[in-house]
Amino acid sequence: MAANDLSMTLRFYGAGGAFSRRYGTTCSGLTLPSGKQWLIDCGRQAPDQLYAAGVSWHEIAGQMMTHVHGDHTFGLEDFAFSRYYSADAKHGVESILGGGPRPKLVCHSAVRDELWETMRSAFRFAGTAHGGTSSQATLDTYFEIIEPQESLAPDRESWPAAERFEVDGLKLWTRDTLHVPEKPSTSLEIAVEGERVVRWSGDSTVHTELLIDLQERATIIFHDCTFTEYVGQVHGSFDALAALPEPLRRKIVLMHHEDDLEDNRERAEKAGFRIALPGHVYDLHTGQRRS
């Protein structure tokens, strides 16, 4: 996207669920009106997905994380170490070790704590400018940690119910969602203009009241979906999504689906849903797919 294009766009690098082999693990690219590129999540296949798309880690200005599971997180080590140790002459970006910029990191504080807990065993060892290795590296050795500007009081869990961030012209809320009980997991509400927002569910069960409240304000809603019903559901049940009002369903793009998608495509499209696939690009201001 050209830097003078005032629209914000989202590109799916991977659109599949945790066990998908056909559609890839979760990683999407958000291009801001300024031309800066951010990632939403960074699953274990993200390094290969970006490589196949011709995108360098050094083109990425920032990373948003919704929660810590391997299909959303395990590409982060490749991202961090590539930026820390390697320069990219093509894009004019020095390594962090050589004095280059750290990519920014936005995530809910409870997610950030879990992220460090998960990645600590690898991330705490880092080369030094004088040679040798330090075992005292932290998450902000590799990323510029963006702190929330506002937090809402805890609701269901002990951590804040939501946190608000502003960086690079990007304005968003990370909101606590119900995924795995007692585990920090968040959705994203990204401002596009005025009161208009884009909702990204992360991994979440269906919050009917919240989605209905967003029906008028949201330009587009990306929601994880499973077509398999089971006790202890941790994702967006298709049946629950299909019970939403028809105008709302037409704003929803189903993502994080498993490889049974084609068995369920007809009923999903008949219900008014759109379906995300790798390579799809959406204009977040209009809510329409570009390619």
C-alpha atoms as a PDB file:
ATOM      1  CA  MET A   1       0.000   0.000   0.000  1.00  0.00           C
ATOM      2  CA  ALA A   2       1.311   3.457  -0.850  1.00  0.00           C
ATOM      3  CA  ALA A   3       2.133   5.736   2.060  1.00  0.00           C
ATOM      4  CA  ASN A   4      -0.384   8.331   0.817  1.00  0.00           C
ATOM      5  CA  ASP A   5      -3.274   5.840   0.847  1.00  0.00           C
ATOM      6  CA  LEU A   6      -5.402   6.973   3.786  1.00  0.00           C
ATOM      7  CA  SER A   7      -6.926   3.538   4.339  1.00  0.00           C
ATOM      8  CA  MET A   8      -5.693   1.023   6.867  1.00  0.00           C
ATOM      9  CA  THR A   9      -5.462  -2.492   5.465  1.00  0.00           C
ATOM     10  CA  LEU A  10      -5.118  -5.974   6.896  1.00  0.00           C
ATOM     11  CA  ARG A  11      -3.487  -8.899   5.099  1.00  0.00           C
ATOM     12  CA  PHE A  12      -3.816 -12.505   6.210  1.00  0.00           C
ATOM     13  CA  TYR A  13      -0.531 -14.385   6.112  1.00  0.00           C
ATOM     14  CA  GLY A  14      -2.099 -17.321   7.963  1.00  0.00           C
ATOM     15  CA  ALA A  15      -5.835 -17.736   8.499  1.00  0.00           C
ATOM     16  CA  GLY A  16      -6.111 -21.201  10.045  1.00  0.00           C
ATOM     17  CA  GLY A  17      -6.592 -22.607  13.512  1.00  0.00           C
ATOM     18  CA  ALA A  18      -4.099 -24.268  15.811  1.00  0.00           C
ATOM     19  CA  PHE A  19      -4.206 -27.578  13.930  1.00  0.00           C
ATOM     20  CA  SER A  20      -4.655 -26.320  10.387  1.00  0.00           C
ATOM     21  CA  ARG A  21      -2.176 -27.560   7.794  1.00  0.00           C
ATOM     22  CA  ARG A  22      -3.966 -26.044   4.813  1.00  0.00           C
ATOM     23  CA  TYR A  23      -4.514 -22.450   5.946  1.00  0.00           C
ATOM     24  CA  GLY A  24      -1.540 -21.771   8.226  1.00  0.00           C
ATOM     25  CA  THR A  25      -1.202 -20.570  11.804  1.00  0.00           C
ATOM     26  CA  THR A  26      -2.196 -17.084  12.868  1.00  0.00           C
ATOM     27  CA  CYS A  27      -0.301 -14.058  11.592  1.00  0.00           C
ATOM     28  CA  SER A  28      -1.698 -10.979   9.870  1.00  0.00           C
ATOM     29  CA  GLY A  29      -0.156  -7.752   8.660  1.00  0.00           C
ATOM     30  CA  LEU A  30      -1.693  -4.377   9.470  1.00  0.00           C
ATOM     31  CA  THR A  31      -0.580  -1.516   7.220  1.00  0.00           C
ATOM     32  CA  LEU A  32      -1.260   1.936   8.662  1.00  0.00           C
ATOM     33  CA  PRO A  33      -2.095   5.028   6.578  1.00  0.00           C
ATOM     34  CA  SER A  34       1.519   6.151   7.175  1.00  0.00           C
ATOM     35  CA  GLY A  35       2.741   2.998   5.439  1.00  0.00           C
ATOM     36  CA  LYS A  36       4.132   1.469   8.641  1.00  0.00           C
ATOM     37  CA  GLN A  37       3.540  -2.254   8.958  1.00  0.00           C
ATOM     38  CA  TRP A  38       2.520  -4.069  12.131  1.00  0.00           C
ATOM     39  CA  LEU A  39       1.782  -7.724  12.810  1.00  0.00           C
ATOM     40  CA  ILE A  40      -1.159  -9.159  14.700  1.00  0.00           C
ATOM     41  CA  ASP A  41       0.098 -12.320  16.382  1.00  0.00           C
ATOM     42  CA  CYS A  42       3.057 -14.323  15.163  1.00  0.00           C
ATOM     43  CA  GLY A  43       2.341 -18.045  15.016  1.00  0.00           C
ATOM     44  CA  ARG A  44       4.857 -20.803  14.576  1.00  0.00           C
ATOM     45  CA  GLN A  45       4.568 -20.677  10.762  1.00  0.00           C
ATOM     46  CA  ALA A  46       4.915 -16.884  10.575  1.00  0.00           C
ATOM     47  CA  PRO A  47       8.609 -16.860   9.506  1.00  0.00           C
ATOM     48  CA  ASP A  48       7.804 -18.952   6.430  1.00  0.00           C
ATOM     49  CA  GLN A  49       4.564 -17.065   5.747  1.00  0.00           C
ATOM     50  CA  LEU A  50       6.304 -13.685   5.658  1.00  0.00           C
ATOM     51  CA  TYR A  51       9.168 -15.100   3.610  1.00  0.00           C
ATOM     52  CA  ALA A  52       6.738 -16.486   1.035  1.00  0.00           C
ATOM     53  CA  ALA A  53       5.034 -13.080   0.865  1.00  0.00           C
ATOM     54  CA  GLY A  54       8.360 -11.307   0.319  1.00  0.00           C
ATOM     55  CA  VAL A  55       8.161  -9.423   3.614  1.00  0.00           C
ATOM     56  CA  SER A  56      11.269  -8.927   5.754  1.00  0.00           C
ATOM     57  CA  TRP A  57      11.198  -8.819   9.547  1.00  0.00           C
ATOM     58  CA  HIS A  58      13.015  -5.494   9.150  1.00  0.00           C
ATOM     59  CA  GLU A  59       9.970  -3.970   7.446  1.00  0.00           C
ATOM     60  CA  ILE A  60       7.849  -4.585  10.543  1.00  0.00           C
ATOM     61  CA  ALA A  61       7.478  -1.572  12.844  1.00  0.00           C
ATOM     62  CA  GLY A  62       5.528  -3.316  15.569  1.00  0.00           C
ATOM     63  CA  GLN A  63       3.880  -6.450  16.897  1.00  0.00           C
ATOM     64  CA  MET A  64       0.507  -6.922  18.603  1.00  0.00           C
ATOM     65  CA  MET A  65      -0.101 -10.091  20.608  1.00  0.00           C
ATOM     66  CA  THR A  66      -3.534 -11.333  21.666  1.00  0.00           C
ATOM     67  CA  HIS A  67      -2.450 -14.235  23.870  1.00  0.00           C
ATOM     68  CA  VAL A  68       0.223 -16.873  24.383  1.00  0.00           C
ATOM     69  CA  HIS A  69      -0.357 -20.116  22.499  1.00  0.00           C
ATOM     70  CA  GLY A  70       2.100 -21.549  19.998  1.00  0.00           C
ATOM     71  CA  ASP A  71      -0.087 -20.934  16.957  1.00  0.00           C
ATOM     72  CA  HIS A  72      -0.080 -17.222  17.882  1.00  0.00           C
ATOM     73  CA  THR A  73       3.319 -16.797  19.505  1.00  0.00           C
ATOM     74  CA  PHE A  74       6.036 -19.231  18.470  1.00  0.00           C
ATOM     75  CA  GLY A  75       7.221 -17.238  15.443  1.00  0.00           C
ATOM     76  CA  LEU A  76       8.271 -14.470  17.804  1.00  0.00           C
ATOM     77  CA  GLU A  77      11.685 -15.982  18.570  1.00  0.00           C
ATOM     78  CA  ASP A  78      12.611 -15.856  14.870  1.00  0.00           C
ATOM     79  CA  PHE A  79      11.381 -12.246  14.675  1.00  0.00           C
ATOM     80  CA  ALA A  80      13.278 -11.121  17.772  1.00  0.00           C
ATOM     81  CA  PHE A  81      16.580 -12.831  17.008  1.00  0.00           C
ATOM     82  CA  SER A  82      16.527 -11.810  13.334  1.00  0.00           C
ATOM     83  CA  ARG A  83      16.129  -8.184  14.288  1.00  0.00           C
ATOM     84  CA  TYR A  84      18.577  -8.384  17.181  1.00  0.00           C
ATOM     85  CA  TYR A  85      21.484 -10.005  15.356  1.00  0.00           C
ATOM     86  CA  SER A  86      20.953  -9.217  11.656  1.00  0.00           C
ATOM     87  CA  ALA A  87      20.907  -6.029   9.607  1.00  0.00           C
ATOM     88  CA  ASP A  88      18.911  -5.602   6.400  1.00  0.00           C
ATOM     89  CA  ALA A  89      20.824  -3.508   3.876  1.00  0.00           C
ATOM     90  CA  LYS A  90      17.954  -3.579   1.378  1.00  0.00           C
ATOM     91  CA  HIS A  91      15.655  -1.788   3.803  1.00  0.00           C
ATOM     92  CA  GLY A  92      18.391   0.211   5.509  1.00  0.00           C
ATOM     93  CA  VAL A  93      17.776  -1.248   8.955  1.00  0.00           C
ATOM     94  CA  GLU A  94      20.672  -1.996  11.296  1.00  0.00           C
ATOM     95  CA  SER A  95      20.536  -4.860  13.781  1.00  0.00           C
ATOM     96  CA  ILE A  96      19.443  -4.002  17.300  1.00  0.00           C
ATOM     97  CA  LEU A  97      22.847  -5.168  18.501  1.00  0.00           C
ATOM     98  CA  GLY A  98      24.410  -2.703  16.060  1.00  0.00           C
ATOM     99  CA  GLY A  99      22.266   0.185  17.268  1.00  0.00           C
ATOM    100  CA  GLY A 100      19.190  -0.329  15.084  1.00  0.00           C
ATOM    101  CA  PRO A 101      15.596   0.211  16.250  1.00  0.00           C
ATOM    102  CA  ARG A 102      13.658  -2.322  18.249  1.00  0.00           C
ATOM    103  CA  PRO A 103      10.213  -3.193  16.868  1.00  0.00           C
ATOM    104  CA  LYS A 104       7.405  -2.006  19.129  1.00  0.00           C
ATOM    105  CA  LEU A 105       5.312  -4.453  21.148  1.00  0.00           C
ATOM    106  CA  VAL A 106       1.696  -3.882  22.144  1.00  0.00           C
ATOM    107  CA  CYS A 107      -0.155  -6.372  24.305  1.00  0.00           C
ATOM    108  CA  HIS A 108      -2.198  -6.439  27.467  1.00  0.00           C
ATOM    109  CA  SER A 109       0.007  -6.412  30.567  1.00  0.00           C
ATOM    110  CA  ALA A 110      -1.244  -9.854  31.653  1.00  0.00           C
ATOM    111  CA  VAL A 111      -0.451 -11.273  28.211  1.00  0.00           C
ATOM    112  CA  ARG A 112       2.986  -9.652  28.344  1.00  0.00           C
ATOM    113  CA  ASP A 113       3.728 -11.378  31.659  1.00  0.00           C
ATOM    114  CA  GLU A 114       2.826 -14.745  30.144  1.00  0.00           C
ATOM    115  CA  LEU A 115       4.807 -13.955  27.013  1.00  0.00           C
ATOM    116  CA  TRP A 116       7.968 -13.399  29.027  1.00  0.00           C
ATOM    117  CA  GLU A 117       7.278 -16.489  31.124  1.00  0.00           C
ATOM    118  CA  THR A 118       7.018 -18.545  27.918  1.00  0.00           C
ATOM    119  CA  MET A 119       9.949 -17.015  25.999  1.00  0.00           C
ATOM    120  CA  ARG A 120      12.308 -16.330  28.903  1.00  0.00           C
ATOM    121  CA  SER A 121      14.408 -19.466  28.524  1.00  0.00           C
ATOM    122  CA  ALA A 122      15.455 -18.342  25.026  1.00  0.00           C
ATOM    123  CA  PHE A 123      15.275 -14.583  25.290  1.00  0.00           C
ATOM    124  CA  ARG A 124      17.324 -14.075  28.464  1.00  0.00           C
ATOM    125  CA  PHE A 125      20.534 -15.018  26.596  1.00  0.00           C
ATOM    126  CA  ALA A 126      21.685 -12.272  24.237  1.00  0.00           C
ATOM    127  CA  GLY A 127      24.959 -11.335  22.611  1.00  0.00           C
ATOM    128  CA  THR A 128      26.602  -8.112  23.723  1.00  0.00           C
ATOM    129  CA  ALA A 129      28.173  -5.303  21.692  1.00  0.00           C
ATOM    130  CA  HIS A 130      31.555  -6.187  23.212  1.00  0.00           C
ATOM    131  CA  GLY A 131      31.334  -9.889  22.403  1.00  0.00           C
ATOM    132  CA  GLY A 132      30.217 -12.693  24.652  1.00  0.00           C
ATOM    133  CA  THR A 133      26.745 -13.408  25.934  1.00  0.00           C
ATOM    134  CA  SER A 134      24.670 -11.945  28.719  1.00  0.00           C
ATOM    135  CA  SER A 135      22.040 -13.981  30.548  1.00  0.00           C
ATOM    136  CA  GLN A 136      20.277 -10.830  31.769  1.00  0.00           C
ATOM    137  CA  ALA A 137      18.323  -9.895  28.646  1.00  0.00           C
ATOM    138  CA  THR A 138      14.640  -9.071  29.033  1.00  0.00           C
ATOM    139  CA  LEU A 139      11.710  -8.698  26.664  1.00  0.00           C
ATOM    140  CA  ASP A 140      12.594  -5.049  26.114  1.00  0.00           C
ATOM    141  CA  THR A 141      16.062  -6.071  24.923  1.00  0.00           C
ATOM    142  CA  TYR A 142      14.305  -7.094  21.702  1.00  0.00           C
ATOM    143  CA  PHE A 143      11.149  -4.974  21.665  1.00  0.00           C
ATOM    144  CA  GLU A 144      10.192  -1.443  22.590  1.00  0.00           C
ATOM    145  CA  ILE A 145       7.449  -2.147  25.119  1.00  0.00           C
ATOM    146  CA  ILE A 146       4.481   0.188  24.707  1.00  0.00           C
ATOM    147  CA  GLU A 147       2.704   0.801  28.000  1.00  0.00           C
ATOM    148  CA  PRO A 148      -1.074   1.282  28.163  1.00  0.00           C
ATOM    149  CA  GLN A 149      -2.366   4.813  28.529  1.00  0.00           C
ATOM    150  CA  GLU A 150      -5.499   3.702  30.335  1.00  0.00           C
ATOM    151  CA  SER A 151      -6.727   0.577  32.099  1.00  0.00           C
ATOM    152  CA  LEU A 152     -10.201  -0.542  33.134  1.00  0.00           C
ATOM    153  CA  ALA A 153     -10.799  -2.183  36.506  1.00  0.00           C
ATOM    154  CA  PRO A 154     -10.669  -6.005  36.643  1.00  0.00           C
ATOM    155  CA  ASP A 155     -13.928  -7.739  35.902  1.00  0.00           C
ATOM    156  CA  ARG A 156     -13.955 -11.524  35.560  1.00  0.00           C
ATOM    157  CA  GLU A 157     -10.245 -12.032  36.271  1.00  0.00           C
ATOM    158  CA  SER A 158      -7.575 -10.394  38.430  1.00  0.00           C
ATOM    159  CA  TRP A 159      -6.045  -8.379  35.562  1.00  0.00           C
ATOM    160  CA  PRO A 160      -7.510  -5.225  33.948  1.00  0.00           C
ATOM    161  CA  ALA A 161     -10.633  -5.808  31.900  1.00  0.00           C
ATOM    162  CA  ALA A 162      -9.172  -3.689  29.091  1.00  0.00           C
ATOM    163  CA  GLU A 163      -6.155  -1.518  28.305  1.00  0.00           C
ATOM    164  CA  ARG A 164      -5.880   1.356  25.816  1.00  0.00           C
ATOM    165  CA  PHE A 165      -2.810   2.027  23.652  1.00  0.00           C
ATOM    166  CA  GLU A 166      -1.737   4.760  21.242  1.00  0.00           C
ATOM    167  CA  VAL A 167       1.422   4.454  19.133  1.00  0.00           C
ATOM    168  CA  ASP A 168       2.440   5.276  15.528  1.00  0.00           C
ATOM    169  CA  GLY A 169      -1.003   6.800  14.966  1.00  0.00           C
ATOM    170  CA  LEU A 170      -2.510   3.443  15.951  1.00  0.00           C
ATOM    171  CA  LYS A 171      -5.254   3.586  18.596  1.00  0.00           C
ATOM    172  CA  LEU A 172      -6.651   0.422  20.109  1.00  0.00           C
ATOM    173  CA  TRP A 173      -8.070  -1.330  23.140  1.00  0.00           C
ATOM    174  CA  THR A 174      -7.012  -4.814  24.196  1.00  0.00           C
ATOM    175  CA  ARG A 175     -10.039  -6.409  25.912  1.00  0.00           C
ATOM    176  CA  ASP A 176     -10.095  -9.477  28.124  1.00  0.00           C
ATOM    177  CA  THR A 177     -12.002 -12.340  26.498  1.00  0.00           C
ATOM    178  CA  LEU A 178     -13.052 -15.820  27.528  1.00  0.00           C
ATOM    179  CA  HIS A 179     -10.789 -18.335  25.791  1.00  0.00           C
ATOM    180  CA  VAL A 180      -9.161 -20.835  28.129  1.00  0.00           C
ATOM    181  CA  PRO A 181     -10.512 -20.167  31.646  1.00  0.00           C
ATOM    182  CA  GLU A 182      -8.077 -18.293  33.922  1.00  0.00           C
ATOM    183  CA  LYS A 183      -5.681 -17.603  31.033  1.00  0.00           C
ATOM    184  CA  PRO A 184      -5.029 -14.042  29.791  1.00  0.00           C
ATOM    185  CA  SER A 185      -6.445 -13.705  26.279  1.00  0.00           C
ATOM    186  CA  THR A 186      -7.592 -10.559  24.537  1.00  0.00           C
ATOM    187  CA  SER A 187      -9.415  -9.167  21.570  1.00  0.00           C
ATOM    188  CA  LEU A 188      -8.365  -5.994  19.764  1.00  0.00           C
ATOM    189  CA  GLU A 189     -10.570  -3.019  18.994  1.00  0.00           C
ATOM    190  CA  ILE A 190      -8.683  -0.855  16.515  1.00  0.00           C
ATOM    191  CA  ALA A 191      -9.909   2.674  15.783  1.00  0.00           C
ATOM    192  CA  VAL A 192     -10.220   3.535  12.103  1.00  0.00           C
ATOM    193  CA  GLU A 193     -11.927   6.938  12.229  1.00  0.00           C
ATOM    194  CA  GLY A 194     -14.081   8.730  14.783  1.00  0.00           C
ATOM    195  CA  GLU A 195     -16.064   6.135  16.700  1.00  0.00           C
ATOM    196  CA  ARG A 196     -15.614   3.504  14.002  1.00  0.00           C
ATOM    197  CA  VAL A 197     -13.617   0.419  14.973  1.00  0.00           C
ATOM    198  CA  VAL A 198     -12.389  -2.934  13.731  1.00  0.00           C
ATOM    199  CA  ARG A 199     -12.746  -5.887  16.080  1.00  0.00           C
ATOM    200  CA  TRP A 200     -10.260  -8.761  16.057  1.00  0.00           C
ATOM    201  CA  SER A 201     -11.426 -11.549  18.357  1.00  0.00           C
ATOM    202  CA  GLY A 202      -8.095 -13.260  18.967  1.00  0.00           C
ATOM    203  CA  ASP A 203      -9.237 -16.621  20.308  1.00  0.00           C
ATOM    204  CA  SER A 204     -12.537 -16.175  22.086  1.00  0.00           C
ATOM    205  CA  THR A 205     -15.917 -17.693  22.691  1.00  0.00           C
ATOM    206  CA  VAL A 206     -18.798 -15.647  21.301  1.00  0.00           C
ATOM    207  CA  HIS A 207     -19.669 -12.592  23.404  1.00  0.00           C
ATOM    208  CA  THR A 208     -23.117 -11.918  21.945  1.00  0.00           C
ATOM    209  CA  GLU A 209     -23.910  -8.734  23.862  1.00  0.00           C
ATOM    210  CA  LEU A 210     -20.583  -7.098  23.030  1.00  0.00           C
ATOM    211  CA  LEU A 211     -20.862  -7.976  19.345  1.00  0.00           C
ATOM    212  CA  ILE A 212     -24.386  -6.592  19.118  1.00  0.00           C
ATOM    213  CA  ASP A 213     -23.166  -3.413  20.830  1.00  0.00           C
ATOM    214  CA  LEU A 214     -20.504  -3.109  18.117  1.00  0.00           C
ATOM    215  CA  GLN A 215     -22.909  -3.727  15.238  1.00  0.00           C
ATOM    216  CA  GLU A 216     -23.282  -0.051  14.299  1.00  0.00           C
ATOM    217  CA  ARG A 217     -19.727   1.061  15.129  1.00  0.00           C
ATOM    218  CA  ALA A 218     -17.697  -1.731  13.564  1.00  0.00           C
ATOM    219  CA  THR A 219     -16.655  -1.512   9.926  1.00  0.00           C
ATOM    220  CA  ILE A 220     -15.622  -5.176  10.004  1.00  0.00           C
ATOM    221  CA  ILE A 221     -15.290  -7.925  12.615  1.00  0.00           C
ATOM    222  CA  PHE A 222     -12.767 -10.749  12.336  1.00  0.00           C
ATOM    223  CA  HIS A 223     -13.820 -13.679  14.520  1.00  0.00           C
ATOM    224  CA  ASP A 224     -12.261 -17.068  15.139  1.00  0.00           C
ATOM    225  CA  CYS A 225     -14.600 -19.905  14.305  1.00  0.00           C
ATOM    226  CA  THR A 226     -14.889 -23.611  14.889  1.00  0.00           C
ATOM    227  CA  PHE A 227     -17.494 -25.726  13.138  1.00  0.00           C
ATOM    228  CA  THR A 228     -17.126 -28.470  15.758  1.00  0.00           C
ATOM    229  CA  GLU A 229     -19.312 -28.183  18.852  1.00  0.00           C
ATOM    230  CA  TYR A 230     -17.918 -29.575  22.080  1.00  0.00           C
ATOM    231  CA  VAL A 231     -18.245 -29.230  25.840  1.00  0.00           C
ATOM    232  CA  GLY A 232     -15.851 -26.615  27.194  1.00  0.00           C
ATOM    233  CA  GLN A 233     -15.780 -24.583  23.961  1.00  0.00           C
ATOM    234  CA  VAL A 234     -12.793 -22.195  23.799  1.00  0.00           C
ATOM    235  CA  HIS A 235     -13.385 -20.689  20.344  1.00  0.00           C
ATOM    236  CA  GLY A 236     -16.123 -18.959  18.414  1.00  0.00           C
ATOM    237  CA  SER A 237     -18.802 -21.595  17.944  1.00  0.00           C
ATOM    238  CA  PHE A 238     -20.276 -21.394  14.453  1.00  0.00           C
ATOM    239  CA  ASP A 239     -23.737 -22.096  15.851  1.00  0.00           C
ATOM    240  CA  ALA A 240     -23.403 -19.171  18.295  1.00  0.00           C
ATOM    241  CA  LEU A 241     -22.126 -16.877  15.542  1.00  0.00           C
ATOM    242  CA  ALA A 242     -24.926 -17.989  13.209  1.00  0.00           C
ATOM    243  CA  ALA A 243     -27.483 -16.976  15.873  1.00  0.00           C
ATOM    244  CA  LEU A 244     -26.367 -13.317  15.650  1.00  0.00           C
ATOM    245  CA  PRO A 245     -28.557 -10.818  13.779  1.00  0.00           C
ATOM    246  CA  GLU A 246     -28.196 -10.998   9.991  1.00  0.00           C
ATOM    247  CA  PRO A 247     -26.800  -7.435   9.535  1.00  0.00           C
ATOM    248  CA  LEU A 248     -24.101  -8.244  12.086  1.00  0.00           C
ATOM    249  CA  ARG A 249     -23.239 -11.561  10.428  1.00  0.00           C
ATOM    250  CA  ARG A 250     -22.564  -9.696   7.177  1.00  0.00           C
ATOM    251  CA  LYS A 251     -19.849  -7.683   8.925  1.00  0.00           C
ATOM    252  CA  ILE A 252     -18.079 -10.806  10.215  1.00  0.00           C
ATOM    253  CA  VAL A 253     -15.143 -12.510   8.539  1.00  0.00           C
ATOM    254  CA  LEU A 254     -14.528 -16.031   9.858  1.00  0.00           C
ATOM    255  CA  MET A 255     -10.879 -16.830  10.587  1.00  0.00           C
ATOM    256  CA  HIS A 256      -8.852 -19.311  12.647  1.00  0.00           C
ATOM    257  CA  HIS A 257     -10.903 -22.107  11.106  1.00  0.00           C
ATOM    258  CA  GLU A 258      -9.583 -25.637  10.777  1.00  0.00           C
ATOM    259  CA  ASP A 259      -9.164 -27.720   7.640  1.00  0.00           C
ATOM    260  CA  ASP A 260     -12.826 -28.775   7.596  1.00  0.00           C
ATOM    261  CA  LEU A 261     -13.662 -25.352   6.132  1.00  0.00           C
ATOM    262  CA  GLU A 262     -14.733 -26.642   2.719  1.00  0.00           C
ATOM    263  CA  ASP A 263     -17.146 -29.054   4.366  1.00  0.00           C
ATOM    264  CA  ASN A 264     -18.854 -26.047   5.961  1.00  0.00           C
ATOM    265  CA  ARG A 265     -18.337 -23.241   3.463  1.00  0.00           C
ATOM    266  CA  GLU A 266     -21.826 -23.431   1.940  1.00  0.00           C
ATOM    267  CA  ARG A 267     -23.682 -22.971   5.222  1.00  0.00           C
ATOM    268  CA  ALA A 268     -21.256 -20.269   6.362  1.00  0.00           C
ATOM    269  CA  GLU A 269     -21.722 -18.218   3.204  1.00  0.00           C
ATOM    270  CA  LYS A 270     -25.484 -18.848   3.202  1.00  0.00           C
ATOM    271  CA  ALA A 271     -25.573 -17.308   6.692  1.00  0.00           C
ATOM    272  CA  GLY A 272     -23.884 -14.190   5.316  1.00  0.00           C
ATOM    273  CA  PHE A 273     -20.371 -14.703   6.647  1.00  0.00           C
ATOM    274  CA  ARG A 274     -17.197 -14.044   4.688  1.00  0.00           C
ATOM    275  CA  ILE A 275     -14.240 -16.387   5.083  1.00  0.00           C
ATOM    276  CA  ALA A 276     -10.602 -15.376   5.479  1.00  0.00           C
ATOM    277  CA  LEU A 277      -7.923 -17.186   3.502  1.00  0.00           C
ATOM    278  CA  PRO A 278      -4.148 -16.612   3.325  1.00  0.00           C
ATOM    279  CA  GLY A 279      -3.386 -13.695   1.014  1.00  0.00           C
ATOM    280  CA  HIS A 280      -6.725 -11.952   1.473  1.00  0.00           C
ATOM    281  CA  VAL A 281      -6.456  -8.191   2.024  1.00  0.00           C
ATOM    282  CA  TYR A 282      -9.204  -6.096   3.634  1.00  0.00           C
ATOM    283  CA  ASP A 283      -9.726  -2.342   3.664  1.00  0.00           C
ATOM    284  CA  LEU A 284     -10.526  -1.614   7.308  1.00  0.00           C
ATOM    285  CA  HIS A 285     -12.225   1.717   6.627  1.00  0.00           C
ATOM    286  CA  THR A 286     -14.795   0.308   4.214  1.00  0.00           C
ATOM    287  CA  GLY A 287     -14.844  -3.229   5.592  1.00  0.00           C
ATOM    288  CA  GLN A 288     -14.482  -4.566   2.070  1.00  0.00           C
ATOM    289  CA  ARG A 289     -12.005  -7.074   0.713  1.00  0.00           C
ATOM    290  CA  ARG A 290      -9.441  -5.597  -1.690  1.00  0.00           C
ATOM    291  CA  SER A 291      -7.868  -8.790  -2.983  1.00  0.00           C
END
